[in-house]
Amino acid sequence: MSAVREGLPEGRYGRSADERADRKLKIVGSVLGVGLLAVVGWIGWDYVGGQSVSAEVIKFQIVSDSEVKVHLEVRKEASVTGVCTLSSQDEQHGEVGRADFTFGQDAKRVDEMVTLKTTGRATMVELVGCQPTGTKG
């Protein structure tokens, strides 16, 4: 009995076209994967590390038709003065108040109650954003 060979002897005639295509796909996939990881890492680092002043509205209390008290927790570098912008809206989602509040304390975390004046009865308070205004020297 003789043995029947199914394919060509390995390594005798070089790589097949399928092997070359597989290798190219692996290289392209690796390069794209590393590129995607780099982009995601850069975006994450910029988001987490790029914000030197951030805040969170802990709670708010509607005092009257012209005033809202807001409890803010601000996180920043101790040497940085930050400004946070708050906005308030009425039932119809119209803006009835907007103000900037400055936080210059020498602390990394500041808990403060601020008063936002409004032109009508507010039903909601929103933190628009925070940004650094300068460094104390």
N, C-alpha and C. Protein backbone atom coordinates (compact mmCIF):
# COMPACT_ATOMS: atom_id res chain seq x y z
N MET A 1 0.82 -1.17 0.00
CA MET A 1 0.00 0.00 0.00
C MET A 1 0.86 1.24 0.00
N SER A 2 0.39 2.19 -0.69
CA SER A 2 1.13 3.44 -0.72
C SER A 2 0.32 4.54 -0.06
N ALA A 3 1.02 5.45 0.56
CA ALA A 3 0.36 6.57 1.24
C ALA A 3 0.06 7.67 0.22
N VAL A 4 -1.11 8.25 0.34
CA VAL A 4 -1.51 9.33 -0.57
C VAL A 4 -1.31 10.66 0.16
N ARG A 5 -0.61 11.56 -0.51
CA ARG A 5 -0.40 12.89 0.07
C ARG A 5 -1.52 13.81 -0.33
N GLU A 6 -2.01 14.60 0.64
CA GLU A 6 -3.11 15.52 0.39
C GLU A 6 -2.62 16.87 -0.13
N GLY A 7 -1.48 17.34 0.34
CA GLY A 7 -1.01 18.67 -0.02
C GLY A 7 0.44 18.63 -0.42
N LEU A 8 0.97 19.80 -0.67
CA LEU A 8 2.37 19.93 -1.03
C LEU A 8 3.25 19.81 0.21
N PRO A 9 4.46 19.37 0.05
CA PRO A 9 5.37 19.31 1.19
C PRO A 9 5.61 20.71 1.75
N GLU A 10 5.57 20.83 3.09
CA GLU A 10 5.72 22.14 3.74
C GLU A 10 7.09 22.72 3.48
N GLY A 11 7.13 24.03 3.19
CA GLY A 11 8.37 24.75 3.02
C GLY A 11 9.05 24.53 1.69
N ARG A 12 8.54 23.65 0.87
CA ARG A 12 9.23 23.32 -0.36
C ARG A 12 9.00 24.37 -1.44
N TYR A 13 7.80 24.95 -1.48
CA TYR A 13 7.47 25.88 -2.55
C TYR A 13 7.20 27.30 -2.03
N GLY A 14 7.69 27.66 -0.85
CA GLY A 14 7.46 28.98 -0.29
C GLY A 14 6.09 29.07 0.37
N ARG A 15 5.73 30.27 0.79
CA ARG A 15 4.44 30.47 1.44
C ARG A 15 3.32 30.52 0.43
N SER A 16 2.17 30.08 0.85
CA SER A 16 1.00 30.17 -0.03
C SER A 16 0.45 31.59 0.05
N ALA A 17 -0.40 31.93 -0.88
CA ALA A 17 -1.03 33.26 -0.90
C ALA A 17 -1.88 33.48 0.34
N ASP A 18 -2.53 32.41 0.85
CA ASP A 18 -3.35 32.54 2.06
C ASP A 18 -2.49 32.88 3.26
N GLU A 19 -1.31 32.27 3.38
CA GLU A 19 -0.43 32.56 4.51
C GLU A 19 0.06 34.00 4.46
N ARG A 20 0.39 34.49 3.26
CA ARG A 20 0.85 35.88 3.13
C ARG A 20 -0.29 36.84 3.49
N ALA A 21 -1.50 36.54 3.05
CA ALA A 21 -2.66 37.39 3.36
C ALA A 21 -2.95 37.37 4.86
N ASP A 22 -2.85 36.20 5.49
CA ASP A 22 -3.06 36.11 6.94
C ASP A 22 -2.04 36.96 7.69
N ARG A 23 -0.80 36.91 7.27
CA ARG A 23 0.26 37.67 7.93
C ARG A 23 -0.01 39.18 7.80
N LYS A 24 -0.40 39.62 6.61
CA LYS A 24 -0.70 41.04 6.39
C LYS A 24 -1.89 41.47 7.25
N LEU A 25 -2.91 40.63 7.32
CA LEU A 25 -4.07 40.97 8.14
C LEU A 25 -3.70 41.05 9.62
N LYS A 26 -2.83 40.17 10.08
CA LYS A 26 -2.40 40.23 11.48
C LYS A 26 -1.63 41.51 11.76
N ILE A 27 -0.78 41.91 10.84
CA ILE A 27 0.01 43.14 11.03
C ILE A 27 -0.91 44.36 11.03
N VAL A 28 -1.81 44.43 10.05
CA VAL A 28 -2.74 45.56 9.97
C VAL A 28 -3.64 45.60 11.21
N GLY A 29 -4.15 44.46 11.63
CA GLY A 29 -4.99 44.40 12.83
C GLY A 29 -4.24 44.84 14.07
N SER A 30 -2.99 44.43 14.20
CA SER A 30 -2.18 44.83 15.37
C SER A 30 -1.95 46.34 15.38
N VAL A 31 -1.61 46.89 14.22
CA VAL A 31 -1.36 48.34 14.13
C VAL A 31 -2.64 49.12 14.46
N LEU A 32 -3.76 48.69 13.90
CA LEU A 32 -5.03 49.38 14.19
C LEU A 32 -5.42 49.24 15.66
N GLY A 33 -5.20 48.06 16.24
CA GLY A 33 -5.51 47.85 17.66
C GLY A 33 -4.68 48.75 18.56
N VAL A 34 -3.38 48.84 18.27
CA VAL A 34 -2.50 49.72 19.07
C VAL A 34 -2.92 51.17 18.90
N GLY A 35 -3.27 51.55 17.67
CA GLY A 35 -3.73 52.92 17.43
C GLY A 35 -5.01 53.25 18.18
N LEU A 36 -5.95 52.32 18.19
CA LEU A 36 -7.20 52.52 18.91
C LEU A 36 -6.95 52.65 20.42
N LEU A 37 -6.10 51.79 20.95
CA LEU A 37 -5.76 51.88 22.38
C LEU A 37 -5.11 53.22 22.71
N ALA A 38 -4.25 53.70 21.82
CA ALA A 38 -3.59 55.00 22.05
C ALA A 38 -4.61 56.14 22.06
N VAL A 39 -5.56 56.13 21.13
CA VAL A 39 -6.58 57.18 21.07
C VAL A 39 -7.46 57.14 22.32
N VAL A 40 -7.91 55.96 22.71
CA VAL A 40 -8.76 55.83 23.91
C VAL A 40 -7.99 56.28 25.14
N GLY A 41 -6.74 55.89 25.25
CA GLY A 41 -5.90 56.31 26.39
C GLY A 41 -5.71 57.82 26.42
N TRP A 42 -5.46 58.42 25.27
CA TRP A 42 -5.25 59.87 25.22
C TRP A 42 -6.52 60.62 25.61
N ILE A 43 -7.67 60.17 25.12
CA ILE A 43 -8.94 60.81 25.47
C ILE A 43 -9.20 60.67 26.97
N GLY A 44 -8.99 59.47 27.51
CA GLY A 44 -9.18 59.26 28.95
C GLY A 44 -8.25 60.11 29.78
N TRP A 45 -7.00 60.17 29.41
CA TRP A 45 -6.03 60.97 30.16
C TRP A 45 -6.39 62.45 30.10
N ASP A 46 -6.80 62.93 28.94
CA ASP A 46 -7.19 64.33 28.80
C ASP A 46 -8.42 64.63 29.64
N TYR A 47 -9.37 63.71 29.68
CA TYR A 47 -10.59 63.94 30.45
C TYR A 47 -10.31 63.94 31.95
N VAL A 48 -9.56 62.97 32.42
CA VAL A 48 -9.30 62.84 33.85
C VAL A 48 -8.24 63.84 34.30
N GLY A 49 -7.14 63.91 33.58
CA GLY A 49 -6.02 64.75 34.00
C GLY A 49 -6.12 66.19 33.53
N GLY A 50 -6.94 66.44 32.50
CA GLY A 50 -6.99 67.77 31.92
C GLY A 50 -7.90 68.74 32.66
N GLN A 51 -8.73 68.25 33.55
CA GLN A 51 -9.64 69.13 34.27
C GLN A 51 -9.02 69.51 35.60
N SER A 52 -8.54 70.75 35.69
CA SER A 52 -7.92 71.16 36.94
C SER A 52 -8.96 71.69 37.94
N VAL A 53 -10.16 72.01 37.47
CA VAL A 53 -11.24 72.44 38.35
C VAL A 53 -12.51 71.69 37.93
N SER A 54 -13.13 71.00 38.88
CA SER A 54 -14.39 70.32 38.60
C SER A 54 -15.29 70.48 39.82
N ALA A 55 -16.57 70.29 39.62
CA ALA A 55 -17.52 70.46 40.72
C ALA A 55 -18.72 69.55 40.52
N GLU A 56 -19.50 69.46 41.57
CA GLU A 56 -20.72 68.66 41.55
C GLU A 56 -21.76 69.35 42.41
N VAL A 57 -22.99 69.41 41.88
CA VAL A 57 -24.10 69.95 42.67
C VAL A 57 -24.56 68.83 43.60
N ILE A 58 -24.40 69.04 44.91
CA ILE A 58 -24.81 68.05 45.88
C ILE A 58 -26.32 68.11 46.08
N LYS A 59 -26.83 69.32 46.30
CA LYS A 59 -28.28 69.50 46.44
C LYS A 59 -28.58 70.98 46.24
N PHE A 60 -29.86 71.27 46.03
CA PHE A 60 -30.28 72.67 45.96
C PHE A 60 -31.63 72.81 46.63
N GLN A 61 -31.89 74.04 47.09
CA GLN A 61 -33.15 74.33 47.78
C GLN A 61 -33.72 75.61 47.19
N ILE A 62 -34.97 75.55 46.76
CA ILE A 62 -35.64 76.73 46.24
C ILE A 62 -36.15 77.52 47.43
N VAL A 63 -35.57 78.69 47.64
CA VAL A 63 -35.89 79.52 48.80
C VAL A 63 -37.11 80.39 48.52
N SER A 64 -37.15 80.97 47.31
CA SER A 64 -38.27 81.84 46.94
C SER A 64 -38.35 81.90 45.42
N ASP A 65 -39.22 82.77 44.92
CA ASP A 65 -39.34 82.94 43.47
C ASP A 65 -38.12 83.63 42.87
N SER A 66 -37.24 84.16 43.71
CA SER A 66 -36.08 84.89 43.19
C SER A 66 -34.75 84.39 43.74
N GLU A 67 -34.75 83.21 44.36
CA GLU A 67 -33.51 82.76 44.99
C GLU A 67 -33.48 81.24 45.15
N VAL A 68 -32.31 80.67 44.85
CA VAL A 68 -32.06 79.24 45.04
C VAL A 68 -30.73 79.09 45.76
N LYS A 69 -30.70 78.26 46.80
CA LYS A 69 -29.46 77.95 47.50
C LYS A 69 -28.92 76.64 46.93
N VAL A 70 -27.64 76.62 46.60
CA VAL A 70 -27.02 75.46 45.95
C VAL A 70 -25.81 75.02 46.76
N HIS A 71 -25.75 73.73 47.10
CA HIS A 71 -24.59 73.15 47.77
C HIS A 71 -23.68 72.58 46.69
N LEU A 72 -22.49 73.17 46.56
CA LEU A 72 -21.50 72.75 45.56
C LEU A 72 -20.31 72.09 46.24
N GLU A 73 -19.79 71.06 45.63
CA GLU A 73 -18.51 70.47 46.04
C GLU A 73 -17.55 70.68 44.89
N VAL A 74 -16.51 71.49 45.14
CA VAL A 74 -15.54 71.85 44.10
C VAL A 74 -14.23 71.14 44.39
N ARG A 75 -13.64 70.54 43.35
CA ARG A 75 -12.34 69.89 43.45
C ARG A 75 -11.38 70.62 42.52
N LYS A 76 -10.22 70.99 43.08
CA LYS A 76 -9.24 71.76 42.31
C LYS A 76 -7.88 71.63 42.99
N GLU A 77 -6.86 72.10 42.32
CA GLU A 77 -5.55 72.19 42.96
C GLU A 77 -5.60 73.34 43.98
N ALA A 78 -4.89 73.18 45.09
CA ALA A 78 -4.96 74.18 46.16
C ALA A 78 -4.49 75.55 45.69
N SER A 79 -3.56 75.59 44.75
CA SER A 79 -3.00 76.87 44.31
C SER A 79 -3.81 77.52 43.19
N VAL A 80 -4.90 76.89 42.77
CA VAL A 80 -5.68 77.39 41.63
C VAL A 80 -6.97 78.04 42.12
N THR A 81 -7.31 79.16 41.49
CA THR A 81 -8.61 79.79 41.70
C THR A 81 -9.52 79.33 40.58
N GLY A 82 -10.70 78.84 40.93
CA GLY A 82 -11.62 78.33 39.92
C GLY A 82 -12.92 79.10 39.89
N VAL A 83 -13.56 79.09 38.74
CA VAL A 83 -14.87 79.72 38.56
C VAL A 83 -15.83 78.66 38.03
N CYS A 84 -16.97 78.52 38.69
CA CYS A 84 -18.00 77.58 38.25
C CYS A 84 -19.26 78.37 37.88
N THR A 85 -19.88 77.97 36.79
CA THR A 85 -21.09 78.63 36.29
C THR A 85 -22.30 77.74 36.59
N LEU A 86 -23.31 78.34 37.23
CA LEU A 86 -24.57 77.65 37.52
C LEU A 86 -25.69 78.31 36.73
N SER A 87 -26.64 77.48 36.32
CA SER A 87 -27.82 77.95 35.60
C SER A 87 -29.06 77.35 36.25
N SER A 88 -30.14 78.11 36.28
CA SER A 88 -31.40 77.58 36.80
C SER A 88 -32.49 77.77 35.75
N GLN A 89 -33.45 76.82 35.77
CA GLN A 89 -34.53 76.85 34.79
C GLN A 89 -35.87 76.74 35.50
N ASP A 90 -36.90 77.25 34.83
CA ASP A 90 -38.26 77.14 35.37
C ASP A 90 -38.95 75.90 34.81
N GLU A 91 -40.24 75.76 35.07
CA GLU A 91 -41.00 74.58 34.63
C GLU A 91 -41.01 74.41 33.12
N GLN A 92 -41.00 75.51 32.39
CA GLN A 92 -41.03 75.46 30.93
C GLN A 92 -39.63 75.35 30.33
N HIS A 93 -38.64 75.09 31.15
CA HIS A 93 -37.23 74.94 30.76
C HIS A 93 -36.60 76.22 30.25
N GLY A 94 -37.18 77.35 30.63
CA GLY A 94 -36.58 78.63 30.31
C GLY A 94 -35.58 79.01 31.40
N GLU A 95 -34.48 79.60 31.00
CA GLU A 95 -33.46 79.99 31.98
C GLU A 95 -33.95 81.19 32.78
N VAL A 96 -33.93 81.06 34.11
CA VAL A 96 -34.34 82.16 34.97
C VAL A 96 -33.19 82.68 35.83
N GLY A 97 -32.04 82.07 35.73
CA GLY A 97 -30.89 82.55 36.48
C GLY A 97 -29.61 81.92 35.99
N ARG A 98 -28.53 82.71 36.03
CA ARG A 98 -27.20 82.23 35.65
C ARG A 98 -26.19 83.09 36.38
N ALA A 99 -25.17 82.45 36.96
CA ALA A 99 -24.15 83.21 37.67
C ALA A 99 -22.86 82.42 37.74
N ASP A 100 -21.76 83.15 37.86
CA ASP A 100 -20.43 82.57 38.06
C ASP A 100 -20.06 82.72 39.53
N PHE A 101 -19.48 81.67 40.09
CA PHE A 101 -19.02 81.69 41.48
C PHE A 101 -17.54 81.34 41.51
N THR A 102 -16.78 82.15 42.24
CA THR A 102 -15.33 82.00 42.30
C THR A 102 -14.94 81.29 43.59
N PHE A 103 -14.01 80.35 43.46
CA PHE A 103 -13.51 79.58 44.60
C PHE A 103 -11.99 79.72 44.63
N GLY A 104 -11.51 80.50 45.59
CA GLY A 104 -10.08 80.76 45.69
C GLY A 104 -9.43 80.19 46.94
N GLN A 105 -10.14 79.38 47.67
CA GLN A 105 -9.61 78.83 48.91
C GLN A 105 -8.37 77.97 48.63
N ASP A 106 -7.46 77.94 49.62
CA ASP A 106 -6.26 77.11 49.51
C ASP A 106 -6.59 75.69 49.96
N ALA A 107 -7.44 75.04 49.22
CA ALA A 107 -7.85 73.67 49.55
C ALA A 107 -8.11 72.93 48.25
N LYS A 108 -7.95 71.61 48.29
CA LYS A 108 -8.21 70.80 47.10
C LYS A 108 -9.69 70.47 46.95
N ARG A 109 -10.42 70.50 48.06
CA ARG A 109 -11.85 70.21 48.02
C ARG A 109 -12.58 71.29 48.81
N VAL A 110 -13.55 71.92 48.18
CA VAL A 110 -14.29 73.01 48.81
C VAL A 110 -15.78 72.67 48.78
N ASP A 111 -16.41 72.61 49.96
CA ASP A 111 -17.86 72.46 50.07
C ASP A 111 -18.42 73.82 50.42
N GLU A 112 -19.32 74.33 49.58
CA GLU A 112 -19.84 75.66 49.85
C GLU A 112 -21.29 75.78 49.40
N MET A 113 -22.07 76.52 50.18
CA MET A 113 -23.44 76.88 49.80
C MET A 113 -23.38 78.24 49.13
N VAL A 114 -23.92 78.32 47.91
CA VAL A 114 -23.97 79.60 47.19
C VAL A 114 -25.42 79.93 46.92
N THR A 115 -25.69 81.22 46.72
CA THR A 115 -27.05 81.68 46.45
C THR A 115 -27.12 82.16 45.01
N LEU A 116 -28.03 81.56 44.25
CA LEU A 116 -28.24 81.92 42.86
C LEU A 116 -29.52 82.75 42.77
N LYS A 117 -29.39 83.99 42.33
CA LYS A 117 -30.54 84.87 42.16
C LYS A 117 -31.25 84.53 40.85
N THR A 118 -32.58 84.54 40.86
CA THR A 118 -33.36 84.18 39.68
C THR A 118 -34.39 85.26 39.36
N THR A 119 -34.87 85.26 38.13
CA THR A 119 -35.89 86.22 37.71
C THR A 119 -37.29 85.62 37.80
N GLY A 120 -37.39 84.34 38.12
CA GLY A 120 -38.66 83.65 38.29
C GLY A 120 -38.43 82.40 39.15
N ARG A 121 -39.48 81.67 39.41
CA ARG A 121 -39.36 80.48 40.27
C ARG A 121 -38.62 79.37 39.53
N ALA A 122 -37.51 78.97 40.09
CA ALA A 122 -36.69 77.91 39.50
C ALA A 122 -37.21 76.55 39.93
N THR A 123 -37.07 75.58 39.04
CA THR A 123 -37.42 74.19 39.38
C THR A 123 -36.22 73.27 39.24
N MET A 124 -35.13 73.80 38.67
CA MET A 124 -33.96 72.98 38.41
C MET A 124 -32.70 73.84 38.44
N VAL A 125 -31.59 73.26 38.89
CA VAL A 125 -30.30 73.93 38.87
C VAL A 125 -29.33 73.02 38.15
N GLU A 126 -28.52 73.62 37.27
CA GLU A 126 -27.56 72.85 36.49
C GLU A 126 -26.18 73.48 36.60
N LEU A 127 -25.17 72.64 36.78
CA LEU A 127 -23.78 73.09 36.74
C LEU A 127 -23.36 73.12 35.28
N VAL A 128 -23.13 74.31 34.75
CA VAL A 128 -22.75 74.46 33.35
C VAL A 128 -21.30 74.02 33.14
N GLY A 129 -20.42 74.40 34.07
CA GLY A 129 -19.02 74.00 33.95
C GLY A 129 -18.14 74.81 34.89
N CYS A 130 -16.89 74.36 35.00
CA CYS A 130 -15.89 75.03 35.82
C CYS A 130 -14.61 75.18 35.03
N GLN A 131 -13.86 76.22 35.38
CA GLN A 131 -12.57 76.42 34.74
C GLN A 131 -11.64 77.19 35.66
N PRO A 132 -10.34 77.00 35.48
CA PRO A 132 -9.39 77.74 36.30
C PRO A 132 -9.28 79.18 35.80
N THR A 133 -9.07 80.10 36.74
CA THR A 133 -8.89 81.51 36.34
C THR A 133 -7.45 81.95 36.54
N GLY A 134 -6.70 81.23 37.30
CA GLY A 134 -5.30 81.60 37.52
C GLY A 134 -4.73 80.86 38.70
N THR A 135 -3.43 81.07 38.88
CA THR A 135 -2.72 80.44 39.99
C THR A 135 -2.31 81.52 40.97
N LYS A 136 -2.46 81.20 42.23
CA LYS A 136 -2.04 82.15 43.27
C LYS A 136 -0.52 82.11 43.36
N GLY A 137 0.05 83.26 43.55
CA GLY A 137 1.51 83.24 43.57
C GLY A 137 2.11 83.84 44.73
